[in-house]
Amino acid sequence: MALAEALAAGKLAGAGLDVHEEEPLPTDHPLRDMHNVIITPHSAFYTEEAVEGARRQTCENIVRIFNGKEPFNRVV
């Protein structure tokens, strides 16, 4: 609710959300009615390009680790 209050008070210009404390976001949640909020399902990333990029980054990290280098990222 703090986000909704900050948006309503003009402390934030807008918000884009794809992960919510409660999934799915309840239909009566105030964020759903705000014109400056974009809400997408948690699977919004899922495109052919995104999956291909994730696979490529995973392979690049594996090669880096086998070559004794740090991976580009350590997201698990």
N, C-alpha and C. Protein backbone atom coordinates (compact mmCIF):
# COMPACT_ATOMS: atom_id res chain seq x y z
N MET A 1 0.81 -1.19 0.00
CA MET A 1 0.00 0.00 0.00
C MET A 1 0.85 1.26 0.00
N ALA A 2 2.09 1.17 0.49
CA ALA A 2 2.96 2.34 0.51
C ALA A 2 3.22 2.84 -0.90
N LEU A 3 3.36 1.92 -1.85
CA LEU A 3 3.59 2.33 -3.24
C LEU A 3 2.37 3.07 -3.77
N ALA A 4 1.19 2.55 -3.54
CA ALA A 4 -0.04 3.20 -4.00
C ALA A 4 -0.17 4.59 -3.38
N GLU A 5 0.16 4.71 -2.12
CA GLU A 5 0.08 6.01 -1.45
C GLU A 5 1.09 6.99 -2.03
N ALA A 6 2.31 6.53 -2.30
CA ALA A 6 3.35 7.40 -2.87
C ALA A 6 2.95 7.86 -4.28
N LEU A 7 2.38 6.97 -5.06
CA LEU A 7 1.93 7.33 -6.41
C LEU A 7 0.77 8.33 -6.34
N ALA A 8 -0.18 8.08 -5.46
CA ALA A 8 -1.34 8.97 -5.33
C ALA A 8 -0.93 10.36 -4.84
N ALA A 9 0.10 10.42 -4.01
CA ALA A 9 0.57 11.70 -3.47
C ALA A 9 1.50 12.43 -4.41
N GLY A 10 1.85 11.80 -5.54
CA GLY A 10 2.75 12.43 -6.50
C GLY A 10 4.22 12.34 -6.11
N LYS A 11 4.54 11.52 -5.12
CA LYS A 11 5.94 11.34 -4.72
C LYS A 11 6.70 10.49 -5.74
N LEU A 12 5.97 9.70 -6.49
CA LEU A 12 6.52 8.90 -7.59
C LEU A 12 5.71 9.20 -8.84
N ALA A 13 6.39 9.25 -9.98
CA ALA A 13 5.68 9.54 -11.23
C ALA A 13 4.95 8.33 -11.76
N GLY A 14 5.46 7.14 -11.50
CA GLY A 14 4.83 5.93 -12.02
C GLY A 14 5.55 4.70 -11.53
N ALA A 15 5.00 3.55 -11.86
CA ALA A 15 5.60 2.28 -11.46
C ALA A 15 5.27 1.22 -12.50
N GLY A 16 6.22 0.31 -12.71
CA GLY A 16 6.02 -0.85 -13.56
C GLY A 16 6.28 -2.08 -12.71
N LEU A 17 5.32 -2.97 -12.64
CA LEU A 17 5.41 -4.13 -11.75
C LEU A 17 5.15 -5.43 -12.49
N ASP A 18 5.96 -6.44 -12.19
CA ASP A 18 5.62 -7.77 -12.68
C ASP A 18 5.73 -8.81 -11.57
N VAL A 19 6.11 -8.39 -10.38
CA VAL A 19 6.16 -9.28 -9.22
C VAL A 19 5.42 -8.58 -8.10
N HIS A 20 4.54 -9.30 -7.44
CA HIS A 20 3.71 -8.71 -6.40
C HIS A 20 3.81 -9.55 -5.14
N GLU A 21 3.58 -8.91 -4.00
CA GLU A 21 3.61 -9.64 -2.74
C GLU A 21 2.60 -10.78 -2.75
N GLU A 22 1.44 -10.51 -3.32
CA GLU A 22 0.41 -11.53 -3.45
C GLU A 22 0.18 -11.76 -4.94
N GLU A 23 0.34 -12.99 -5.39
CA GLU A 23 0.17 -13.33 -6.81
C GLU A 23 -1.10 -14.15 -6.99
N PRO A 24 -1.94 -13.82 -7.92
CA PRO A 24 -1.94 -12.57 -8.68
C PRO A 24 -2.40 -11.41 -7.80
N LEU A 25 -2.12 -10.22 -8.26
CA LEU A 25 -2.53 -9.03 -7.53
C LEU A 25 -4.06 -9.03 -7.44
N PRO A 26 -4.63 -8.88 -6.24
CA PRO A 26 -6.09 -8.92 -6.10
C PRO A 26 -6.78 -7.90 -7.01
N THR A 27 -7.94 -8.26 -7.49
CA THR A 27 -8.66 -7.39 -8.43
C THR A 27 -9.08 -6.07 -7.80
N ASP A 28 -9.21 -6.02 -6.47
CA ASP A 28 -9.61 -4.77 -5.83
C ASP A 28 -8.42 -3.95 -5.31
N HIS A 29 -7.21 -4.34 -5.67
CA HIS A 29 -6.02 -3.62 -5.21
C HIS A 29 -5.99 -2.24 -5.87
N PRO A 30 -5.67 -1.19 -5.09
CA PRO A 30 -5.69 0.18 -5.64
C PRO A 30 -4.73 0.41 -6.81
N LEU A 31 -3.63 -0.32 -6.88
CA LEU A 31 -2.69 -0.12 -7.98
C LEU A 31 -3.32 -0.44 -9.34
N ARG A 32 -4.31 -1.32 -9.35
CA ARG A 32 -4.95 -1.72 -10.61
C ARG A 32 -5.70 -0.57 -11.28
N ASP A 33 -6.12 0.41 -10.51
CA ASP A 33 -6.91 1.51 -11.07
C ASP A 33 -6.10 2.77 -11.35
N MET A 34 -4.79 2.71 -11.15
CA MET A 34 -3.97 3.90 -11.33
C MET A 34 -3.48 4.00 -12.77
N HIS A 35 -3.62 5.19 -13.35
CA HIS A 35 -3.21 5.40 -14.75
C HIS A 35 -1.69 5.42 -14.92
N ASN A 36 -0.95 5.61 -13.84
CA ASN A 36 0.51 5.69 -13.93
C ASN A 36 1.20 4.40 -13.46
N VAL A 37 0.47 3.28 -13.53
CA VAL A 37 1.00 1.98 -13.13
C VAL A 37 0.81 0.99 -14.28
N ILE A 38 1.88 0.28 -14.59
CA ILE A 38 1.82 -0.80 -15.57
C ILE A 38 2.03 -2.11 -14.81
N ILE A 39 1.11 -3.03 -14.95
CA ILE A 39 1.18 -4.32 -14.27
C ILE A 39 1.20 -5.41 -15.32
N THR A 40 2.19 -6.27 -15.24
CA THR A 40 2.28 -7.41 -16.15
C THR A 40 2.36 -8.68 -15.33
N PRO A 41 2.00 -9.82 -15.91
CA PRO A 41 2.16 -11.08 -15.19
C PRO A 41 3.64 -11.35 -14.97
N HIS A 42 3.94 -12.15 -13.98
CA HIS A 42 5.34 -12.43 -13.64
C HIS A 42 6.10 -13.04 -14.81
N SER A 43 5.41 -13.59 -15.77
CA SER A 43 6.05 -14.22 -16.92
C SER A 43 6.28 -13.23 -18.06
N ALA A 44 6.21 -11.94 -17.79
CA ALA A 44 6.31 -10.93 -18.84
C ALA A 44 7.62 -11.00 -19.61
N PHE A 45 8.68 -11.55 -19.02
CA PHE A 45 9.97 -11.61 -19.70
C PHE A 45 9.96 -12.64 -20.82
N TYR A 46 9.02 -13.54 -20.84
CA TYR A 46 9.12 -14.74 -21.66
C TYR A 46 8.88 -14.45 -23.13
N THR A 47 9.98 -14.22 -23.83
CA THR A 47 9.96 -14.10 -25.29
C THR A 47 11.06 -15.01 -25.81
N GLU A 48 11.03 -15.30 -27.08
CA GLU A 48 12.09 -16.11 -27.66
C GLU A 48 13.45 -15.45 -27.46
N GLU A 49 13.49 -14.14 -27.61
CA GLU A 49 14.75 -13.41 -27.46
C GLU A 49 15.27 -13.48 -26.03
N ALA A 50 14.37 -13.35 -25.06
CA ALA A 50 14.78 -13.39 -23.65
C ALA A 50 15.32 -14.77 -23.27
N VAL A 51 14.64 -15.81 -23.73
CA VAL A 51 15.09 -17.18 -23.43
C VAL A 51 16.44 -17.44 -24.10
N GLU A 52 16.60 -17.03 -25.34
CA GLU A 52 17.87 -17.20 -26.05
C GLU A 52 18.99 -16.45 -25.33
N GLY A 53 18.71 -15.23 -24.89
CA GLY A 53 19.71 -14.44 -24.17
C GLY A 53 20.10 -15.08 -22.86
N ALA A 54 19.14 -15.62 -22.13
CA ALA A 54 19.44 -16.29 -20.85
C ALA A 54 20.30 -17.53 -21.08
N ARG A 55 19.99 -18.28 -22.11
CA ARG A 55 20.81 -19.47 -22.43
C ARG A 55 22.23 -19.07 -22.81
N ARG A 56 22.34 -18.02 -23.62
CA ARG A 56 23.66 -17.56 -24.05
C ARG A 56 24.49 -17.09 -22.85
N GLN A 57 23.88 -16.31 -21.97
CA GLN A 57 24.60 -15.82 -20.79
C GLN A 57 25.02 -16.97 -19.87
N THR A 58 24.17 -17.96 -19.74
CA THR A 58 24.51 -19.12 -18.92
C THR A 58 25.73 -19.82 -19.49
N CYS A 59 25.74 -20.06 -20.79
CA CYS A 59 26.88 -20.72 -21.43
C CYS A 59 28.15 -19.89 -21.30
N GLU A 60 28.03 -18.57 -21.49
CA GLU A 60 29.20 -17.70 -21.36
C GLU A 60 29.75 -17.73 -19.94
N ASN A 61 28.88 -17.76 -18.95
CA ASN A 61 29.34 -17.85 -17.56
C ASN A 61 30.04 -19.17 -17.28
N ILE A 62 29.52 -20.25 -17.82
CA ILE A 62 30.15 -21.57 -17.62
C ILE A 62 31.55 -21.57 -18.21
N VAL A 63 31.69 -21.05 -19.41
CA VAL A 63 33.01 -20.99 -20.05
C VAL A 63 33.95 -20.13 -19.22
N ARG A 64 33.49 -19.00 -18.73
CA ARG A 64 34.33 -18.13 -17.90
C ARG A 64 34.80 -18.85 -16.64
N ILE A 65 33.90 -19.56 -15.99
CA ILE A 65 34.26 -20.27 -14.76
C ILE A 65 35.30 -21.35 -15.06
N PHE A 66 35.09 -22.12 -16.12
CA PHE A 66 36.07 -23.15 -16.49
C PHE A 66 37.42 -22.57 -16.86
N ASN A 67 37.44 -21.32 -17.29
CA ASN A 67 38.70 -20.65 -17.63
C ASN A 67 39.27 -19.86 -16.45
N GLY A 68 38.71 -20.07 -15.26
CA GLY A 68 39.23 -19.44 -14.05
C GLY A 68 38.86 -17.98 -13.90
N LYS A 69 37.85 -17.52 -14.63
CA LYS A 69 37.43 -16.13 -14.54
C LYS A 69 36.13 -16.05 -13.74
N GLU A 70 35.84 -14.83 -13.29
CA GLU A 70 34.58 -14.58 -12.59
C GLU A 70 33.44 -14.59 -13.60
N PRO A 71 32.28 -15.13 -13.22
CA PRO A 71 31.13 -15.04 -14.11
C PRO A 71 30.66 -13.59 -14.24
N PHE A 72 29.92 -13.29 -15.29
CA PHE A 72 29.40 -11.95 -15.48
C PHE A 72 28.46 -11.57 -14.35
N ASN A 73 27.70 -12.54 -13.89
CA ASN A 73 26.80 -12.29 -12.76
C ASN A 73 26.69 -13.56 -11.93
N ARG A 74 26.24 -13.40 -10.70
CA ARG A 74 26.12 -14.53 -9.78
C ARG A 74 24.66 -14.75 -9.37
N VAL A 75 23.76 -14.46 -10.25
CA VAL A 75 22.35 -14.65 -9.96
C VAL A 75 22.03 -16.14 -10.01
N VAL A 76 21.40 -16.61 -8.93
CA VAL A 76 21.05 -18.03 -8.85
C VAL A 76 19.56 -18.18 -8.84
